[in-house]
């Protein structure tokens, strides 16, 4: 919204692309963590309905409590890769959002 209000791109809003980096990190982290939580819930329900014996013997409260921190840590590590210069965040058209940059690839 700040980008629209000031009629500037995210890169131009802050020094050293900080706004773009913050936006891209937040967008990536929260979307990835949400998708992984939905996957974990769907997997838990699938096991409970489709494989009740396995579910009763293997899925415990302790394993359920271990899943949430694992999801957050995995999301944090993945989203930190651009901050560690493994990838770069890039601004996309029309300049109001940033995400992990894609390299141009050519296939046969």
Foldseek 3Di string as FASTA:
>chain_A
DVCVVVVHFCCVPDPPSPSQLVQQLVVQLVVQLVVQVVVVVVVLVCCCPVPVVCSVVPPDPVVVVVSNVVSNVVSNVVSCCCVVVNFPWDADPPRHHIYTDDDDDDDD
